[in-house]
Amino acid sequence: MAAKQTKGMTVAQLDALCGNWPGVTRDIKWETNLVFSVGEKMFVVMPADGGGRLSFKVEDERFLELTDQPGIIPAPYLARARWVLIAEPQHFDTAELASFIRASYGLVRAKLTRKLQASLGAWPAEPRSKS
């Protein structure tokens, strides 16, 4: 049995994390980027081949804090919407990346119309930590 990856995020891990969240769609944009969206609004982007880079939306209040950290920069073309890019996600804990992606989904979902939010149903349950 293979050991569970605890650093970085693969395409399979990203798909397992958010592929079944309410209203989430998955498609390829700009020829090579795997994009997960909710209500047709994207919340996380990764190269379809899994080759590094992970981009997602963050809270306005955390944008400067996060981009001051090594390895996190404002996402090209999306920084004005408070997106960050992690160039080498393998240097970050998988759980931390999952938390960022979950928060991004929440931020984008919260901006959808109330009617659309209601049609999506309940929020996905928080994963339980294994003790």
C-alpha atoms as a PDB file:
ATOM      1  CA  MET A   1       0.000   0.000   0.000  1.00  0.00           C
ATOM      2  CA  ALA A   2       1.398   3.403  -1.002  1.00  0.00           C
ATOM      3  CA  ALA A   3       1.986   5.987   1.710  1.00  0.00           C
ATOM      4  CA  LYS A   4      -0.459   8.890   1.721  1.00  0.00           C
ATOM      5  CA  GLN A   5       1.120  12.077   0.374  1.00  0.00           C
ATOM      6  CA  THR A   6       1.337  14.732   3.094  1.00  0.00           C
ATOM      7  CA  LYS A   7       3.012  17.498   1.062  1.00  0.00           C
ATOM      8  CA  GLY A   8       1.731  19.142  -2.084  1.00  0.00           C
ATOM      9  CA  MET A   9      -1.415  18.321  -4.023  1.00  0.00           C
ATOM     10  CA  THR A  10      -1.843  16.043  -7.023  1.00  0.00           C
ATOM     11  CA  VAL A  11      -4.631  16.304  -9.587  1.00  0.00           C
ATOM     12  CA  ALA A  12      -6.162  13.143  -8.086  1.00  0.00           C
ATOM     13  CA  GLN A  13      -6.051  14.631  -4.571  1.00  0.00           C
ATOM     14  CA  LEU A  14      -7.607  17.878  -5.797  1.00  0.00           C
ATOM     15  CA  ASP A  15     -10.359  15.953  -7.564  1.00  0.00           C
ATOM     16  CA  ALA A  16     -10.995  13.808  -4.474  1.00  0.00           C
ATOM     17  CA  LEU A  17     -11.074  16.908  -2.275  1.00  0.00           C
ATOM     18  CA  CYS A  18     -13.513  19.108  -4.152  1.00  0.00           C
ATOM     19  CA  GLY A  19     -14.788  17.201  -7.178  1.00  0.00           C
ATOM     20  CA  ASN A  20     -18.000  16.200  -5.388  1.00  0.00           C
ATOM     21  CA  TRP A  21     -18.740  19.447  -3.557  1.00  0.00           C
ATOM     22  CA  PRO A  22     -22.183  20.909  -4.342  1.00  0.00           C
ATOM     23  CA  GLY A  23     -22.281  22.706  -7.674  1.00  0.00           C
ATOM     24  CA  VAL A  24     -18.640  22.045  -8.565  1.00  0.00           C
ATOM     25  CA  THR A  25     -17.718  21.614 -12.205  1.00  0.00           C
ATOM     26  CA  ARG A  26     -14.338  20.665 -13.607  1.00  0.00           C
ATOM     27  CA  ASP A  27     -12.982  21.676 -16.995  1.00  0.00           C
ATOM     28  CA  ILE A  28      -9.847  22.604 -18.920  1.00  0.00           C
ATOM     29  CA  LYS A  29      -9.260  26.299 -19.672  1.00  0.00           C
ATOM     30  CA  TRP A  30      -6.423  28.018 -21.499  1.00  0.00           C
ATOM     31  CA  GLU A  31      -5.524  24.637 -23.085  1.00  0.00           C
ATOM     32  CA  THR A  32      -3.591  23.230 -20.117  1.00  0.00           C
ATOM     33  CA  ASN A  33      -5.228  24.317 -16.850  1.00  0.00           C
ATOM     34  CA  LEU A  34      -7.596  22.220 -14.801  1.00  0.00           C
ATOM     35  CA  VAL A  35     -10.208  24.553 -13.330  1.00  0.00           C
ATOM     36  CA  PHE A  36     -12.731  23.798 -10.610  1.00  0.00           C
ATOM     37  CA  SER A  37     -15.699  26.170 -10.474  1.00  0.00           C
ATOM     38  CA  VAL A  38     -18.913  26.641  -8.525  1.00  0.00           C
ATOM     39  CA  GLY A  39     -21.802  28.451 -10.192  1.00  0.00           C
ATOM     40  CA  GLU A  40     -19.538  28.933 -13.229  1.00  0.00           C
ATOM     41  CA  LYS A  41     -17.082  30.932 -11.083  1.00  0.00           C
ATOM     42  CA  MET A  42     -13.662  29.375 -10.688  1.00  0.00           C
ATOM     43  CA  PHE A  43     -12.167  28.788  -7.256  1.00  0.00           C
ATOM     44  CA  VAL A  44      -8.999  26.743  -7.904  1.00  0.00           C
ATOM     45  CA  VAL A  45      -6.670  26.287 -10.902  1.00  0.00           C
ATOM     46  CA  MET A  46      -3.894  23.742 -11.411  1.00  0.00           C
ATOM     47  CA  PRO A  47      -2.029  22.515 -14.505  1.00  0.00           C
ATOM     48  CA  ALA A  48      -3.911  19.502 -15.872  1.00  0.00           C
ATOM     49  CA  ASP A  49      -0.684  17.495 -15.915  1.00  0.00           C
ATOM     50  CA  GLY A  50      -0.252  18.137 -12.179  1.00  0.00           C
ATOM     51  CA  GLY A  51       3.037  19.924 -12.806  1.00  0.00           C
ATOM     52  CA  GLY A  52       3.252  22.340  -9.911  1.00  0.00           C
ATOM     53  CA  ARG A  53       1.461  25.651  -9.414  1.00  0.00           C
ATOM     54  CA  LEU A  54      -1.775  25.969  -7.567  1.00  0.00           C
ATOM     55  CA  SER A  55      -3.890  29.126  -7.675  1.00  0.00           C
ATOM     56  CA  PHE A  56      -6.949  30.011  -5.608  1.00  0.00           C
ATOM     57  CA  LYS A  57      -8.904  32.917  -4.142  1.00  0.00           C
ATOM     58  CA  VAL A  58      -8.180  34.110  -0.596  1.00  0.00           C
ATOM     59  CA  GLU A  59      -9.872  36.500   1.809  1.00  0.00           C
ATOM     60  CA  ASP A  60      -9.013  40.157   1.200  1.00  0.00           C
ATOM     61  CA  GLU A  61      -7.619  40.398   4.733  1.00  0.00           C
ATOM     62  CA  ARG A  62      -5.223  37.485   4.180  1.00  0.00           C
ATOM     63  CA  PHE A  63      -3.946  38.417   0.719  1.00  0.00           C
ATOM     64  CA  LEU A  64      -0.991  40.539   1.868  1.00  0.00           C
ATOM     65  CA  GLU A  65      -0.204  38.187   4.757  1.00  0.00           C
ATOM     66  CA  LEU A  66      -0.040  35.182   2.448  1.00  0.00           C
ATOM     67  CA  THR A  67       1.876  36.892  -0.356  1.00  0.00           C
ATOM     68  CA  ASP A  68       4.506  37.938   2.184  1.00  0.00           C
ATOM     69  CA  GLN A  69       5.261  34.257   2.800  1.00  0.00           C
ATOM     70  CA  PRO A  70       7.981  32.533   0.777  1.00  0.00           C
ATOM     71  CA  GLY A  71       6.544  30.540  -2.111  1.00  0.00           C
ATOM     72  CA  ILE A  72       3.233  32.441  -2.362  1.00  0.00           C
ATOM     73  CA  ILE A  73       2.843  35.275  -4.868  1.00  0.00           C
ATOM     74  CA  PRO A  74      -0.069  37.281  -6.273  1.00  0.00           C
ATOM     75  CA  ALA A  75      -1.566  35.201  -9.086  1.00  0.00           C
ATOM     76  CA  PRO A  76      -0.856  36.691 -12.521  1.00  0.00           C
ATOM     77  CA  TYR A  77      -3.994  38.248 -14.065  1.00  0.00           C
ATOM     78  CA  LEU A  78      -6.073  37.376 -10.977  1.00  0.00           C
ATOM     79  CA  ALA A  79      -4.324  39.222  -8.149  1.00  0.00           C
ATOM     80  CA  ARG A  80      -6.798  42.104  -8.301  1.00  0.00           C
ATOM     81  CA  ALA A  81      -9.498  39.563  -7.381  1.00  0.00           C
ATOM     82  CA  ARG A  82      -7.309  38.423  -4.447  1.00  0.00           C
ATOM     83  CA  TRP A  83      -5.986  35.220  -5.967  1.00  0.00           C
ATOM     84  CA  VAL A  84      -2.622  33.789  -4.972  1.00  0.00           C
ATOM     85  CA  LEU A  85      -0.307  31.372  -6.736  1.00  0.00           C
ATOM     86  CA  ILE A  86       1.783  28.741  -5.003  1.00  0.00           C
ATOM     87  CA  ALA A  87       4.558  27.923  -7.468  1.00  0.00           C
ATOM     88  CA  GLU A  88       5.804  24.849  -5.604  1.00  0.00           C
ATOM     89  CA  PRO A  89       2.912  23.306  -3.673  1.00  0.00           C
ATOM     90  CA  GLN A  90       5.121  20.343  -2.735  1.00  0.00           C
ATOM     91  CA  HIS A  91       6.658  22.625  -0.076  1.00  0.00           C
ATOM     92  CA  PHE A  92       3.286  22.988   1.703  1.00  0.00           C
ATOM     93  CA  ASP A  93       1.353  20.478   3.793  1.00  0.00           C
ATOM     94  CA  THR A  94      -1.486  18.848   1.883  1.00  0.00           C
ATOM     95  CA  ALA A  95      -3.886  19.658   4.740  1.00  0.00           C
ATOM     96  CA  GLU A  96      -2.945  23.352   4.576  1.00  0.00           C
ATOM     97  CA  LEU A  97      -3.508  23.435   0.814  1.00  0.00           C
ATOM     98  CA  ALA A  98      -6.857  21.674   1.272  1.00  0.00           C
ATOM     99  CA  SER A  99      -7.846  24.306   3.831  1.00  0.00           C
ATOM    100  CA  PHE A 100      -6.980  27.113   1.390  1.00  0.00           C
ATOM    101  CA  ILE A 101      -9.031  25.438  -1.369  1.00  0.00           C
ATOM    102  CA  ARG A 102     -12.006  24.888   0.940  1.00  0.00           C
ATOM    103  CA  ALA A 103     -11.883  28.578   1.932  1.00  0.00           C
ATOM    104  CA  SER A 104     -11.679  29.584  -1.739  1.00  0.00           C
ATOM    105  CA  TYR A 105     -14.765  27.517  -2.539  1.00  0.00           C
ATOM    106  CA  GLY A 106     -16.574  29.219   0.345  1.00  0.00           C
ATOM    107  CA  LEU A 107     -15.585  32.704  -0.797  1.00  0.00           C
ATOM    108  CA  VAL A 108     -16.715  32.108  -4.362  1.00  0.00           C
ATOM    109  CA  ARG A 109     -19.898  30.311  -3.312  1.00  0.00           C
ATOM    110  CA  ALA A 110     -20.810  33.176  -0.959  1.00  0.00           C
ATOM    111  CA  LYS A 111     -20.753  35.619  -3.903  1.00  0.00           C
ATOM    112  CA  LEU A 112     -23.322  33.611  -5.883  1.00  0.00           C
ATOM    113  CA  THR A 113     -26.958  34.691  -5.857  1.00  0.00           C
ATOM    114  CA  ARG A 114     -28.958  33.500  -2.847  1.00  0.00           C
ATOM    115  CA  LYS A 115     -31.173  31.494  -5.161  1.00  0.00           C
ATOM    116  CA  LEU A 116     -28.195  29.699  -6.686  1.00  0.00           C
ATOM    117  CA  GLN A 117     -26.621  29.123  -3.266  1.00  0.00           C
ATOM    118  CA  ALA A 118     -29.872  27.591  -2.010  1.00  0.00           C
ATOM    119  CA  SER A 119     -30.087  25.325  -5.062  1.00  0.00           C
ATOM    120  CA  LEU A 120     -26.619  23.942  -4.310  1.00  0.00           C
ATOM    121  CA  GLY A 121     -27.758  22.469  -1.022  1.00  0.00           C
ATOM    122  CA  ALA A 122     -25.715  21.934   2.105  1.00  0.00           C
ATOM    123  CA  TRP A 123     -22.063  22.784   2.401  1.00  0.00           C
ATOM    124  CA  PRO A 124     -19.698  19.805   2.247  1.00  0.00           C
ATOM    125  CA  ALA A 125     -18.855  18.468   5.705  1.00  0.00           C
ATOM    126  CA  GLU A 126     -15.449  19.264   7.165  1.00  0.00           C
ATOM    127  CA  PRO A 127     -13.185  16.225   7.013  1.00  0.00           C
ATOM    128  CA  ARG A 128     -12.625  14.702  10.407  1.00  0.00           C
ATOM    129  CA  SER A 129      -9.081  14.489  11.644  1.00  0.00           C
ATOM    130  CA  LYS A 130      -7.829  10.987  12.302  1.00  0.00           C
ATOM    131  CA  SER A 131      -6.663  10.684  15.876  1.00  0.00           C
END
